[in-house]
Amino acid sequence: PALTADLSDDERKLMKSFFLLSGK
């Protein structure tokens, strides 16, 4: 799931704009 990806704070903030289902 996208939620468990190793991302920086900025990348995680940007990912929110992707509205990924597995990122919730």
PDBML (XML) file of the C-alpha atoms, coordinates in Angstrom:
<?xml version="1.0" encoding="UTF-8" ?>
<PDBx:datablock datablockName="MODEL"
   xmlns:PDBx="http://pdbml.pdb.org/schema/pdbx-v50.xsd"
   xmlns:xsi="http://www.w3.org/2001/XMLSchema-instance"
   xsi:schemaLocation="http://pdbml.pdb.org/schema/pdbx-v50.xsd pdbx-v50.xsd">
   <PDBx:atom_siteCategory>
      <PDBx:atom_site id="1">
         <PDBx:B_iso_or_equiv>0.00</PDBx:B_iso_or_equiv>
         <PDBx:Cartn_x>0.000</PDBx:Cartn_x>
         <PDBx:Cartn_y>0.000</PDBx:Cartn_y>
         <PDBx:Cartn_z>0.000</PDBx:Cartn_z>
         <PDBx:auth_asym_id>A</PDBx:auth_asym_id>
         <PDBx:auth_atom_id>CA</PDBx:auth_atom_id>
         <PDBx:auth_comp_id>PRO</PDBx:auth_comp_id>
         <PDBx:auth_seq_id>1</PDBx:auth_seq_id>
         <PDBx:group_PDB>ATOM</PDBx:group_PDB>
         <PDBx:label_alt_id xsi:nil="true" />
         <PDBx:label_asym_id>A</PDBx:label_asym_id>
         <PDBx:label_atom_id>CA</PDBx:label_atom_id>
         <PDBx:label_comp_id>PRO</PDBx:label_comp_id>
         <PDBx:label_entity_id>1</PDBx:label_entity_id>
         <PDBx:label_seq_id>1</PDBx:label_seq_id>
         <PDBx:occupancy>1.00</PDBx:occupancy>
         <PDBx:pdbx_PDB_model_num>1</PDBx:pdbx_PDB_model_num>
         <PDBx:type_symbol>C</PDBx:type_symbol>
      </PDBx:atom_site>
      <PDBx:atom_site id="2">
         <PDBx:B_iso_or_equiv>0.00</PDBx:B_iso_or_equiv>
         <PDBx:Cartn_x>1.083</PDBx:Cartn_x>
         <PDBx:Cartn_y>3.571</PDBx:Cartn_y>
         <PDBx:Cartn_z>-0.722</PDBx:Cartn_z>
         <PDBx:auth_asym_id>A</PDBx:auth_asym_id>
         <PDBx:auth_atom_id>CA</PDBx:auth_atom_id>
         <PDBx:auth_comp_id>ALA</PDBx:auth_comp_id>
         <PDBx:auth_seq_id>2</PDBx:auth_seq_id>
         <PDBx:group_PDB>ATOM</PDBx:group_PDB>
         <PDBx:label_alt_id xsi:nil="true" />
         <PDBx:label_asym_id>A</PDBx:label_asym_id>
         <PDBx:label_atom_id>CA</PDBx:label_atom_id>
         <PDBx:label_comp_id>ALA</PDBx:label_comp_id>
         <PDBx:label_entity_id>1</PDBx:label_entity_id>
         <PDBx:label_seq_id>2</PDBx:label_seq_id>
         <PDBx:occupancy>1.00</PDBx:occupancy>
         <PDBx:pdbx_PDB_model_num>1</PDBx:pdbx_PDB_model_num>
         <PDBx:type_symbol>C</PDBx:type_symbol>
      </PDBx:atom_site>
      <PDBx:atom_site id="3">
         <PDBx:B_iso_or_equiv>0.00</PDBx:B_iso_or_equiv>
         <PDBx:Cartn_x>0.771</PDBx:Cartn_x>
         <PDBx:Cartn_y>4.328</PDBx:Cartn_y>
         <PDBx:Cartn_z>2.998</PDBx:Cartn_z>
         <PDBx:auth_asym_id>A</PDBx:auth_asym_id>
         <PDBx:auth_atom_id>CA</PDBx:auth_atom_id>
         <PDBx:auth_comp_id>LEU</PDBx:auth_comp_id>
         <PDBx:auth_seq_id>3</PDBx:auth_seq_id>
         <PDBx:group_PDB>ATOM</PDBx:group_PDB>
         <PDBx:label_alt_id xsi:nil="true" />
         <PDBx:label_asym_id>A</PDBx:label_asym_id>
         <PDBx:label_atom_id>CA</PDBx:label_atom_id>
         <PDBx:label_comp_id>LEU</PDBx:label_comp_id>
         <PDBx:label_entity_id>1</PDBx:label_entity_id>
         <PDBx:label_seq_id>3</PDBx:label_seq_id>
         <PDBx:occupancy>1.00</PDBx:occupancy>
         <PDBx:pdbx_PDB_model_num>1</PDBx:pdbx_PDB_model_num>
         <PDBx:type_symbol>C</PDBx:type_symbol>
      </PDBx:atom_site>
      <PDBx:atom_site id="4">
         <PDBx:B_iso_or_equiv>0.00</PDBx:B_iso_or_equiv>
         <PDBx:Cartn_x>3.863</PDBx:Cartn_x>
         <PDBx:Cartn_y>2.205</PDBx:Cartn_y>
         <PDBx:Cartn_z>3.749</PDBx:Cartn_z>
         <PDBx:auth_asym_id>A</PDBx:auth_asym_id>
         <PDBx:auth_atom_id>CA</PDBx:auth_atom_id>
         <PDBx:auth_comp_id>THR</PDBx:auth_comp_id>
         <PDBx:auth_seq_id>4</PDBx:auth_seq_id>
         <PDBx:group_PDB>ATOM</PDBx:group_PDB>
         <PDBx:label_alt_id xsi:nil="true" />
         <PDBx:label_asym_id>A</PDBx:label_asym_id>
         <PDBx:label_atom_id>CA</PDBx:label_atom_id>
         <PDBx:label_comp_id>THR</PDBx:label_comp_id>
         <PDBx:label_entity_id>1</PDBx:label_entity_id>
         <PDBx:label_seq_id>4</PDBx:label_seq_id>
         <PDBx:occupancy>1.00</PDBx:occupancy>
         <PDBx:pdbx_PDB_model_num>1</PDBx:pdbx_PDB_model_num>
         <PDBx:type_symbol>C</PDBx:type_symbol>
      </PDBx:atom_site>
      <PDBx:atom_site id="5">
         <PDBx:B_iso_or_equiv>0.00</PDBx:B_iso_or_equiv>
         <PDBx:Cartn_x>6.119</PDBx:Cartn_x>
         <PDBx:Cartn_y>3.745</PDBx:Cartn_y>
         <PDBx:Cartn_z>1.073</PDBx:Cartn_z>
         <PDBx:auth_asym_id>A</PDBx:auth_asym_id>
         <PDBx:auth_atom_id>CA</PDBx:auth_atom_id>
         <PDBx:auth_comp_id>ALA</PDBx:auth_comp_id>
         <PDBx:auth_seq_id>5</PDBx:auth_seq_id>
         <PDBx:group_PDB>ATOM</PDBx:group_PDB>
         <PDBx:label_alt_id xsi:nil="true" />
         <PDBx:label_asym_id>A</PDBx:label_asym_id>
         <PDBx:label_atom_id>CA</PDBx:label_atom_id>
         <PDBx:label_comp_id>ALA</PDBx:label_comp_id>
         <PDBx:label_entity_id>1</PDBx:label_entity_id>
         <PDBx:label_seq_id>5</PDBx:label_seq_id>
         <PDBx:occupancy>1.00</PDBx:occupancy>
         <PDBx:pdbx_PDB_model_num>1</PDBx:pdbx_PDB_model_num>
         <PDBx:type_symbol>C</PDBx:type_symbol>
      </PDBx:atom_site>
      <PDBx:atom_site id="6">
         <PDBx:B_iso_or_equiv>0.00</PDBx:B_iso_or_equiv>
         <PDBx:Cartn_x>9.373</PDBx:Cartn_x>
         <PDBx:Cartn_y>5.245</PDBx:Cartn_y>
         <PDBx:Cartn_z>2.363</PDBx:Cartn_z>
         <PDBx:auth_asym_id>A</PDBx:auth_asym_id>
         <PDBx:auth_atom_id>CA</PDBx:auth_atom_id>
         <PDBx:auth_comp_id>ASP</PDBx:auth_comp_id>
         <PDBx:auth_seq_id>6</PDBx:auth_seq_id>
         <PDBx:group_PDB>ATOM</PDBx:group_PDB>
         <PDBx:label_alt_id xsi:nil="true" />
         <PDBx:label_asym_id>A</PDBx:label_asym_id>
         <PDBx:label_atom_id>CA</PDBx:label_atom_id>
         <PDBx:label_comp_id>ASP</PDBx:label_comp_id>
         <PDBx:label_entity_id>1</PDBx:label_entity_id>
         <PDBx:label_seq_id>6</PDBx:label_seq_id>
         <PDBx:occupancy>1.00</PDBx:occupancy>
         <PDBx:pdbx_PDB_model_num>1</PDBx:pdbx_PDB_model_num>
         <PDBx:type_symbol>C</PDBx:type_symbol>
      </PDBx:atom_site>
      <PDBx:atom_site id="7">
         <PDBx:B_iso_or_equiv>0.00</PDBx:B_iso_or_equiv>
         <PDBx:Cartn_x>8.728</PDBx:Cartn_x>
         <PDBx:Cartn_y>8.912</PDBx:Cartn_y>
         <PDBx:Cartn_z>1.618</PDBx:Cartn_z>
         <PDBx:auth_asym_id>A</PDBx:auth_asym_id>
         <PDBx:auth_atom_id>CA</PDBx:auth_atom_id>
         <PDBx:auth_comp_id>LEU</PDBx:auth_comp_id>
         <PDBx:auth_seq_id>7</PDBx:auth_seq_id>
         <PDBx:group_PDB>ATOM</PDBx:group_PDB>
         <PDBx:label_alt_id xsi:nil="true" />
         <PDBx:label_asym_id>A</PDBx:label_asym_id>
         <PDBx:label_atom_id>CA</PDBx:label_atom_id>
         <PDBx:label_comp_id>LEU</PDBx:label_comp_id>
         <PDBx:label_entity_id>1</PDBx:label_entity_id>
         <PDBx:label_seq_id>7</PDBx:label_seq_id>
         <PDBx:occupancy>1.00</PDBx:occupancy>
         <PDBx:pdbx_PDB_model_num>1</PDBx:pdbx_PDB_model_num>
         <PDBx:type_symbol>C</PDBx:type_symbol>
      </PDBx:atom_site>
      <PDBx:atom_site id="8">
         <PDBx:B_iso_or_equiv>0.00</PDBx:B_iso_or_equiv>
         <PDBx:Cartn_x>9.979</PDBx:Cartn_x>
         <PDBx:Cartn_y>12.237</PDBx:Cartn_y>
         <PDBx:Cartn_z>2.908</PDBx:Cartn_z>
         <PDBx:auth_asym_id>A</PDBx:auth_asym_id>
         <PDBx:auth_atom_id>CA</PDBx:auth_atom_id>
         <PDBx:auth_comp_id>SER</PDBx:auth_comp_id>
         <PDBx:auth_seq_id>8</PDBx:auth_seq_id>
         <PDBx:group_PDB>ATOM</PDBx:group_PDB>
         <PDBx:label_alt_id xsi:nil="true" />
         <PDBx:label_asym_id>A</PDBx:label_asym_id>
         <PDBx:label_atom_id>CA</PDBx:label_atom_id>
         <PDBx:label_comp_id>SER</PDBx:label_comp_id>
         <PDBx:label_entity_id>1</PDBx:label_entity_id>
         <PDBx:label_seq_id>8</PDBx:label_seq_id>
         <PDBx:occupancy>1.00</PDBx:occupancy>
         <PDBx:pdbx_PDB_model_num>1</PDBx:pdbx_PDB_model_num>
         <PDBx:type_symbol>C</PDBx:type_symbol>
      </PDBx:atom_site>
      <PDBx:atom_site id="9">
         <PDBx:B_iso_or_equiv>0.00</PDBx:B_iso_or_equiv>
         <PDBx:Cartn_x>7.550</PDBx:Cartn_x>
         <PDBx:Cartn_y>14.655</PDBx:Cartn_y>
         <PDBx:Cartn_z>4.589</PDBx:Cartn_z>
         <PDBx:auth_asym_id>A</PDBx:auth_asym_id>
         <PDBx:auth_atom_id>CA</PDBx:auth_atom_id>
         <PDBx:auth_comp_id>ASP</PDBx:auth_comp_id>
         <PDBx:auth_seq_id>9</PDBx:auth_seq_id>
         <PDBx:group_PDB>ATOM</PDBx:group_PDB>
         <PDBx:label_alt_id xsi:nil="true" />
         <PDBx:label_asym_id>A</PDBx:label_asym_id>
         <PDBx:label_atom_id>CA</PDBx:label_atom_id>
         <PDBx:label_comp_id>ASP</PDBx:label_comp_id>
         <PDBx:label_entity_id>1</PDBx:label_entity_id>
         <PDBx:label_seq_id>9</PDBx:label_seq_id>
         <PDBx:occupancy>1.00</PDBx:occupancy>
         <PDBx:pdbx_PDB_model_num>1</PDBx:pdbx_PDB_model_num>
         <PDBx:type_symbol>C</PDBx:type_symbol>
      </PDBx:atom_site>
      <PDBx:atom_site id="10">
         <PDBx:B_iso_or_equiv>0.00</PDBx:B_iso_or_equiv>
         <PDBx:Cartn_x>7.388</PDBx:Cartn_x>
         <PDBx:Cartn_y>16.729</PDBx:Cartn_y>
         <PDBx:Cartn_z>1.402</PDBx:Cartn_z>
         <PDBx:auth_asym_id>A</PDBx:auth_asym_id>
         <PDBx:auth_atom_id>CA</PDBx:auth_atom_id>
         <PDBx:auth_comp_id>ASP</PDBx:auth_comp_id>
         <PDBx:auth_seq_id>10</PDBx:auth_seq_id>
         <PDBx:group_PDB>ATOM</PDBx:group_PDB>
         <PDBx:label_alt_id xsi:nil="true" />
         <PDBx:label_asym_id>A</PDBx:label_asym_id>
         <PDBx:label_atom_id>CA</PDBx:label_atom_id>
         <PDBx:label_comp_id>ASP</PDBx:label_comp_id>
         <PDBx:label_entity_id>1</PDBx:label_entity_id>
         <PDBx:label_seq_id>10</PDBx:label_seq_id>
         <PDBx:occupancy>1.00</PDBx:occupancy>
         <PDBx:pdbx_PDB_model_num>1</PDBx:pdbx_PDB_model_num>
         <PDBx:type_symbol>C</PDBx:type_symbol>
      </PDBx:atom_site>
      <PDBx:atom_site id="11">
         <PDBx:B_iso_or_equiv>0.00</PDBx:B_iso_or_equiv>
         <PDBx:Cartn_x>6.732</PDBx:Cartn_x>
         <PDBx:Cartn_y>13.648</PDBx:Cartn_y>
         <PDBx:Cartn_z>-0.729</PDBx:Cartn_z>
         <PDBx:auth_asym_id>A</PDBx:auth_asym_id>
         <PDBx:auth_atom_id>CA</PDBx:auth_atom_id>
         <PDBx:auth_comp_id>GLU</PDBx:auth_comp_id>
         <PDBx:auth_seq_id>11</PDBx:auth_seq_id>
         <PDBx:group_PDB>ATOM</PDBx:group_PDB>
         <PDBx:label_alt_id xsi:nil="true" />
         <PDBx:label_asym_id>A</PDBx:label_asym_id>
         <PDBx:label_atom_id>CA</PDBx:label_atom_id>
         <PDBx:label_comp_id>GLU</PDBx:label_comp_id>
         <PDBx:label_entity_id>1</PDBx:label_entity_id>
         <PDBx:label_seq_id>11</PDBx:label_seq_id>
         <PDBx:occupancy>1.00</PDBx:occupancy>
         <PDBx:pdbx_PDB_model_num>1</PDBx:pdbx_PDB_model_num>
         <PDBx:type_symbol>C</PDBx:type_symbol>
      </PDBx:atom_site>
      <PDBx:atom_site id="12">
         <PDBx:B_iso_or_equiv>0.00</PDBx:B_iso_or_equiv>
         <PDBx:Cartn_x>4.013</PDBx:Cartn_x>
         <PDBx:Cartn_y>12.475</PDBx:Cartn_y>
         <PDBx:Cartn_z>1.645</PDBx:Cartn_z>
         <PDBx:auth_asym_id>A</PDBx:auth_asym_id>
         <PDBx:auth_atom_id>CA</PDBx:auth_atom_id>
         <PDBx:auth_comp_id>ARG</PDBx:auth_comp_id>
         <PDBx:auth_seq_id>12</PDBx:auth_seq_id>
         <PDBx:group_PDB>ATOM</PDBx:group_PDB>
         <PDBx:label_alt_id xsi:nil="true" />
         <PDBx:label_asym_id>A</PDBx:label_asym_id>
         <PDBx:label_atom_id>CA</PDBx:label_atom_id>
         <PDBx:label_comp_id>ARG</PDBx:label_comp_id>
         <PDBx:label_entity_id>1</PDBx:label_entity_id>
         <PDBx:label_seq_id>12</PDBx:label_seq_id>
         <PDBx:occupancy>1.00</PDBx:occupancy>
         <PDBx:pdbx_PDB_model_num>1</PDBx:pdbx_PDB_model_num>
         <PDBx:type_symbol>C</PDBx:type_symbol>
      </PDBx:atom_site>
      <PDBx:atom_site id="13">
         <PDBx:B_iso_or_equiv>0.00</PDBx:B_iso_or_equiv>
         <PDBx:Cartn_x>2.399</PDBx:Cartn_x>
         <PDBx:Cartn_y>15.905</PDBx:Cartn_y>
         <PDBx:Cartn_z>1.490</PDBx:Cartn_z>
         <PDBx:auth_asym_id>A</PDBx:auth_asym_id>
         <PDBx:auth_atom_id>CA</PDBx:auth_atom_id>
         <PDBx:auth_comp_id>LYS</PDBx:auth_comp_id>
         <PDBx:auth_seq_id>13</PDBx:auth_seq_id>
         <PDBx:group_PDB>ATOM</PDBx:group_PDB>
         <PDBx:label_alt_id xsi:nil="true" />
         <PDBx:label_asym_id>A</PDBx:label_asym_id>
         <PDBx:label_atom_id>CA</PDBx:label_atom_id>
         <PDBx:label_comp_id>LYS</PDBx:label_comp_id>
         <PDBx:label_entity_id>1</PDBx:label_entity_id>
         <PDBx:label_seq_id>13</PDBx:label_seq_id>
         <PDBx:occupancy>1.00</PDBx:occupancy>
         <PDBx:pdbx_PDB_model_num>1</PDBx:pdbx_PDB_model_num>
         <PDBx:type_symbol>C</PDBx:type_symbol>
      </PDBx:atom_site>
      <PDBx:atom_site id="14">
         <PDBx:B_iso_or_equiv>0.00</PDBx:B_iso_or_equiv>
         <PDBx:Cartn_x>2.508</PDBx:Cartn_x>
         <PDBx:Cartn_y>15.811</PDBx:Cartn_y>
         <PDBx:Cartn_z>-2.315</PDBx:Cartn_z>
         <PDBx:auth_asym_id>A</PDBx:auth_asym_id>
         <PDBx:auth_atom_id>CA</PDBx:auth_atom_id>
         <PDBx:auth_comp_id>LEU</PDBx:auth_comp_id>
         <PDBx:auth_seq_id>14</PDBx:auth_seq_id>
         <PDBx:group_PDB>ATOM</PDBx:group_PDB>
         <PDBx:label_alt_id xsi:nil="true" />
         <PDBx:label_asym_id>A</PDBx:label_asym_id>
         <PDBx:label_atom_id>CA</PDBx:label_atom_id>
         <PDBx:label_comp_id>LEU</PDBx:label_comp_id>
         <PDBx:label_entity_id>1</PDBx:label_entity_id>
         <PDBx:label_seq_id>14</PDBx:label_seq_id>
         <PDBx:occupancy>1.00</PDBx:occupancy>
         <PDBx:pdbx_PDB_model_num>1</PDBx:pdbx_PDB_model_num>
         <PDBx:type_symbol>C</PDBx:type_symbol>
      </PDBx:atom_site>
      <PDBx:atom_site id="15">
         <PDBx:B_iso_or_equiv>0.00</PDBx:B_iso_or_equiv>
         <PDBx:Cartn_x>1.074</PDBx:Cartn_x>
         <PDBx:Cartn_y>12.284</PDBx:Cartn_y>
         <PDBx:Cartn_z>-2.337</PDBx:Cartn_z>
         <PDBx:auth_asym_id>A</PDBx:auth_asym_id>
         <PDBx:auth_atom_id>CA</PDBx:auth_atom_id>
         <PDBx:auth_comp_id>MET</PDBx:auth_comp_id>
         <PDBx:auth_seq_id>15</PDBx:auth_seq_id>
         <PDBx:group_PDB>ATOM</PDBx:group_PDB>
         <PDBx:label_alt_id xsi:nil="true" />
         <PDBx:label_asym_id>A</PDBx:label_asym_id>
         <PDBx:label_atom_id>CA</PDBx:label_atom_id>
         <PDBx:label_comp_id>MET</PDBx:label_comp_id>
         <PDBx:label_entity_id>1</PDBx:label_entity_id>
         <PDBx:label_seq_id>15</PDBx:label_seq_id>
         <PDBx:occupancy>1.00</PDBx:occupancy>
         <PDBx:pdbx_PDB_model_num>1</PDBx:pdbx_PDB_model_num>
         <PDBx:type_symbol>C</PDBx:type_symbol>
      </PDBx:atom_site>
      <PDBx:atom_site id="16">
         <PDBx:B_iso_or_equiv>0.00</PDBx:B_iso_or_equiv>
         <PDBx:Cartn_x>-2.088</PDBx:Cartn_x>
         <PDBx:Cartn_y>13.581</PDBx:Cartn_y>
         <PDBx:Cartn_z>-0.645</PDBx:Cartn_z>
         <PDBx:auth_asym_id>A</PDBx:auth_asym_id>
         <PDBx:auth_atom_id>CA</PDBx:auth_atom_id>
         <PDBx:auth_comp_id>LYS</PDBx:auth_comp_id>
         <PDBx:auth_seq_id>16</PDBx:auth_seq_id>
         <PDBx:group_PDB>ATOM</PDBx:group_PDB>
         <PDBx:label_alt_id xsi:nil="true" />
         <PDBx:label_asym_id>A</PDBx:label_asym_id>
         <PDBx:label_atom_id>CA</PDBx:label_atom_id>
         <PDBx:label_comp_id>LYS</PDBx:label_comp_id>
         <PDBx:label_entity_id>1</PDBx:label_entity_id>
         <PDBx:label_seq_id>16</PDBx:label_seq_id>
         <PDBx:occupancy>1.00</PDBx:occupancy>
         <PDBx:pdbx_PDB_model_num>1</PDBx:pdbx_PDB_model_num>
         <PDBx:type_symbol>C</PDBx:type_symbol>
      </PDBx:atom_site>
      <PDBx:atom_site id="17">
         <PDBx:B_iso_or_equiv>0.00</PDBx:B_iso_or_equiv>
         <PDBx:Cartn_x>-2.898</PDBx:Cartn_x>
         <PDBx:Cartn_y>15.429</PDBx:Cartn_y>
         <PDBx:Cartn_z>-3.866</PDBx:Cartn_z>
         <PDBx:auth_asym_id>A</PDBx:auth_asym_id>
         <PDBx:auth_atom_id>CA</PDBx:auth_atom_id>
         <PDBx:auth_comp_id>SER</PDBx:auth_comp_id>
         <PDBx:auth_seq_id>17</PDBx:auth_seq_id>
         <PDBx:group_PDB>ATOM</PDBx:group_PDB>
         <PDBx:label_alt_id xsi:nil="true" />
         <PDBx:label_asym_id>A</PDBx:label_asym_id>
         <PDBx:label_atom_id>CA</PDBx:label_atom_id>
         <PDBx:label_comp_id>SER</PDBx:label_comp_id>
         <PDBx:label_entity_id>1</PDBx:label_entity_id>
         <PDBx:label_seq_id>17</PDBx:label_seq_id>
         <PDBx:occupancy>1.00</PDBx:occupancy>
         <PDBx:pdbx_PDB_model_num>1</PDBx:pdbx_PDB_model_num>
         <PDBx:type_symbol>C</PDBx:type_symbol>
      </PDBx:atom_site>
      <PDBx:atom_site id="18">
         <PDBx:B_iso_or_equiv>0.00</PDBx:B_iso_or_equiv>
         <PDBx:Cartn_x>-2.860</PDBx:Cartn_x>
         <PDBx:Cartn_y>12.047</PDBx:Cartn_y>
         <PDBx:Cartn_z>-5.668</PDBx:Cartn_z>
         <PDBx:auth_asym_id>A</PDBx:auth_asym_id>
         <PDBx:auth_atom_id>CA</PDBx:auth_atom_id>
         <PDBx:auth_comp_id>PHE</PDBx:auth_comp_id>
         <PDBx:auth_seq_id>18</PDBx:auth_seq_id>
         <PDBx:group_PDB>ATOM</PDBx:group_PDB>
         <PDBx:label_alt_id xsi:nil="true" />
         <PDBx:label_asym_id>A</PDBx:label_asym_id>
         <PDBx:label_atom_id>CA</PDBx:label_atom_id>
         <PDBx:label_comp_id>PHE</PDBx:label_comp_id>
         <PDBx:label_entity_id>1</PDBx:label_entity_id>
         <PDBx:label_seq_id>18</PDBx:label_seq_id>
         <PDBx:occupancy>1.00</PDBx:occupancy>
         <PDBx:pdbx_PDB_model_num>1</PDBx:pdbx_PDB_model_num>
         <PDBx:type_symbol>C</PDBx:type_symbol>
      </PDBx:atom_site>
      <PDBx:atom_site id="19">
         <PDBx:B_iso_or_equiv>0.00</PDBx:B_iso_or_equiv>
         <PDBx:Cartn_x>-5.862</PDBx:Cartn_x>
         <PDBx:Cartn_y>10.863</PDBx:Cartn_y>
         <PDBx:Cartn_z>-3.572</PDBx:Cartn_z>
         <PDBx:auth_asym_id>A</PDBx:auth_asym_id>
         <PDBx:auth_atom_id>CA</PDBx:auth_atom_id>
         <PDBx:auth_comp_id>PHE</PDBx:auth_comp_id>
         <PDBx:auth_seq_id>19</PDBx:auth_seq_id>
         <PDBx:group_PDB>ATOM</PDBx:group_PDB>
         <PDBx:label_alt_id xsi:nil="true" />
         <PDBx:label_asym_id>A</PDBx:label_asym_id>
         <PDBx:label_atom_id>CA</PDBx:label_atom_id>
         <PDBx:label_comp_id>PHE</PDBx:label_comp_id>
         <PDBx:label_entity_id>1</PDBx:label_entity_id>
         <PDBx:label_seq_id>19</PDBx:label_seq_id>
         <PDBx:occupancy>1.00</PDBx:occupancy>
         <PDBx:pdbx_PDB_model_num>1</PDBx:pdbx_PDB_model_num>
         <PDBx:type_symbol>C</PDBx:type_symbol>
      </PDBx:atom_site>
      <PDBx:atom_site id="20">
         <PDBx:B_iso_or_equiv>0.00</PDBx:B_iso_or_equiv>
         <PDBx:Cartn_x>-4.535</PDBx:Cartn_x>
         <PDBx:Cartn_y>7.309</PDBx:Cartn_y>
         <PDBx:Cartn_z>-3.511</PDBx:Cartn_z>
         <PDBx:auth_asym_id>A</PDBx:auth_asym_id>
         <PDBx:auth_atom_id>CA</PDBx:auth_atom_id>
         <PDBx:auth_comp_id>LEU</PDBx:auth_comp_id>
         <PDBx:auth_seq_id>20</PDBx:auth_seq_id>
         <PDBx:group_PDB>ATOM</PDBx:group_PDB>
         <PDBx:label_alt_id xsi:nil="true" />
         <PDBx:label_asym_id>A</PDBx:label_asym_id>
         <PDBx:label_atom_id>CA</PDBx:label_atom_id>
         <PDBx:label_comp_id>LEU</PDBx:label_comp_id>
         <PDBx:label_entity_id>1</PDBx:label_entity_id>
         <PDBx:label_seq_id>20</PDBx:label_seq_id>
         <PDBx:occupancy>1.00</PDBx:occupancy>
         <PDBx:pdbx_PDB_model_num>1</PDBx:pdbx_PDB_model_num>
         <PDBx:type_symbol>C</PDBx:type_symbol>
      </PDBx:atom_site>
      <PDBx:atom_site id="21">
         <PDBx:B_iso_or_equiv>0.00</PDBx:B_iso_or_equiv>
         <PDBx:Cartn_x>-6.857</PDBx:Cartn_x>
         <PDBx:Cartn_y>4.690</PDBx:Cartn_y>
         <PDBx:Cartn_z>-2.055</PDBx:Cartn_z>
         <PDBx:auth_asym_id>A</PDBx:auth_asym_id>
         <PDBx:auth_atom_id>CA</PDBx:auth_atom_id>
         <PDBx:auth_comp_id>LEU</PDBx:auth_comp_id>
         <PDBx:auth_seq_id>21</PDBx:auth_seq_id>
         <PDBx:group_PDB>ATOM</PDBx:group_PDB>
         <PDBx:label_alt_id xsi:nil="true" />
         <PDBx:label_asym_id>A</PDBx:label_asym_id>
         <PDBx:label_atom_id>CA</PDBx:label_atom_id>
         <PDBx:label_comp_id>LEU</PDBx:label_comp_id>
         <PDBx:label_entity_id>1</PDBx:label_entity_id>
         <PDBx:label_seq_id>21</PDBx:label_seq_id>
         <PDBx:occupancy>1.00</PDBx:occupancy>
         <PDBx:pdbx_PDB_model_num>1</PDBx:pdbx_PDB_model_num>
         <PDBx:type_symbol>C</PDBx:type_symbol>
      </PDBx:atom_site>
      <PDBx:atom_site id="22">
         <PDBx:B_iso_or_equiv>0.00</PDBx:B_iso_or_equiv>
         <PDBx:Cartn_x>-4.093</PDBx:Cartn_x>
         <PDBx:Cartn_y>2.674</PDBx:Cartn_y>
         <PDBx:Cartn_z>-0.377</PDBx:Cartn_z>
         <PDBx:auth_asym_id>A</PDBx:auth_asym_id>
         <PDBx:auth_atom_id>CA</PDBx:auth_atom_id>
         <PDBx:auth_comp_id>SER</PDBx:auth_comp_id>
         <PDBx:auth_seq_id>22</PDBx:auth_seq_id>
         <PDBx:group_PDB>ATOM</PDBx:group_PDB>
         <PDBx:label_alt_id xsi:nil="true" />
         <PDBx:label_asym_id>A</PDBx:label_asym_id>
         <PDBx:label_atom_id>CA</PDBx:label_atom_id>
         <PDBx:label_comp_id>SER</PDBx:label_comp_id>
         <PDBx:label_entity_id>1</PDBx:label_entity_id>
         <PDBx:label_seq_id>22</PDBx:label_seq_id>
         <PDBx:occupancy>1.00</PDBx:occupancy>
         <PDBx:pdbx_PDB_model_num>1</PDBx:pdbx_PDB_model_num>
         <PDBx:type_symbol>C</PDBx:type_symbol>
      </PDBx:atom_site>
      <PDBx:atom_site id="23">
         <PDBx:B_iso_or_equiv>0.00</PDBx:B_iso_or_equiv>
         <PDBx:Cartn_x>-2.569</PDBx:Cartn_x>
         <PDBx:Cartn_y>5.871</PDBx:Cartn_y>
         <PDBx:Cartn_z>0.990</PDBx:Cartn_z>
         <PDBx:auth_asym_id>A</PDBx:auth_asym_id>
         <PDBx:auth_atom_id>CA</PDBx:auth_atom_id>
         <PDBx:auth_comp_id>GLY</PDBx:auth_comp_id>
         <PDBx:auth_seq_id>23</PDBx:auth_seq_id>
         <PDBx:group_PDB>ATOM</PDBx:group_PDB>
         <PDBx:label_alt_id xsi:nil="true" />
         <PDBx:label_asym_id>A</PDBx:label_asym_id>
         <PDBx:label_atom_id>CA</PDBx:label_atom_id>
         <PDBx:label_comp_id>GLY</PDBx:label_comp_id>
         <PDBx:label_entity_id>1</PDBx:label_entity_id>
         <PDBx:label_seq_id>23</PDBx:label_seq_id>
         <PDBx:occupancy>1.00</PDBx:occupancy>
         <PDBx:pdbx_PDB_model_num>1</PDBx:pdbx_PDB_model_num>
         <PDBx:type_symbol>C</PDBx:type_symbol>
      </PDBx:atom_site>
      <PDBx:atom_site id="24">
         <PDBx:B_iso_or_equiv>0.00</PDBx:B_iso_or_equiv>
         <PDBx:Cartn_x>-5.392</PDBx:Cartn_x>
         <PDBx:Cartn_y>6.475</PDBx:Cartn_y>
         <PDBx:Cartn_z>3.462</PDBx:Cartn_z>
         <PDBx:auth_asym_id>A</PDBx:auth_asym_id>
         <PDBx:auth_atom_id>CA</PDBx:auth_atom_id>
         <PDBx:auth_comp_id>LYS</PDBx:auth_comp_id>
         <PDBx:auth_seq_id>24</PDBx:auth_seq_id>
         <PDBx:group_PDB>ATOM</PDBx:group_PDB>
         <PDBx:label_alt_id xsi:nil="true" />
         <PDBx:label_asym_id>A</PDBx:label_asym_id>
         <PDBx:label_atom_id>CA</PDBx:label_atom_id>
         <PDBx:label_comp_id>LYS</PDBx:label_comp_id>
         <PDBx:label_entity_id>1</PDBx:label_entity_id>
         <PDBx:label_seq_id>24</PDBx:label_seq_id>
         <PDBx:occupancy>1.00</PDBx:occupancy>
         <PDBx:pdbx_PDB_model_num>1</PDBx:pdbx_PDB_model_num>
         <PDBx:type_symbol>C</PDBx:type_symbol>
      </PDBx:atom_site>
   </PDBx:atom_siteCategory>
</PDBx:datablock>
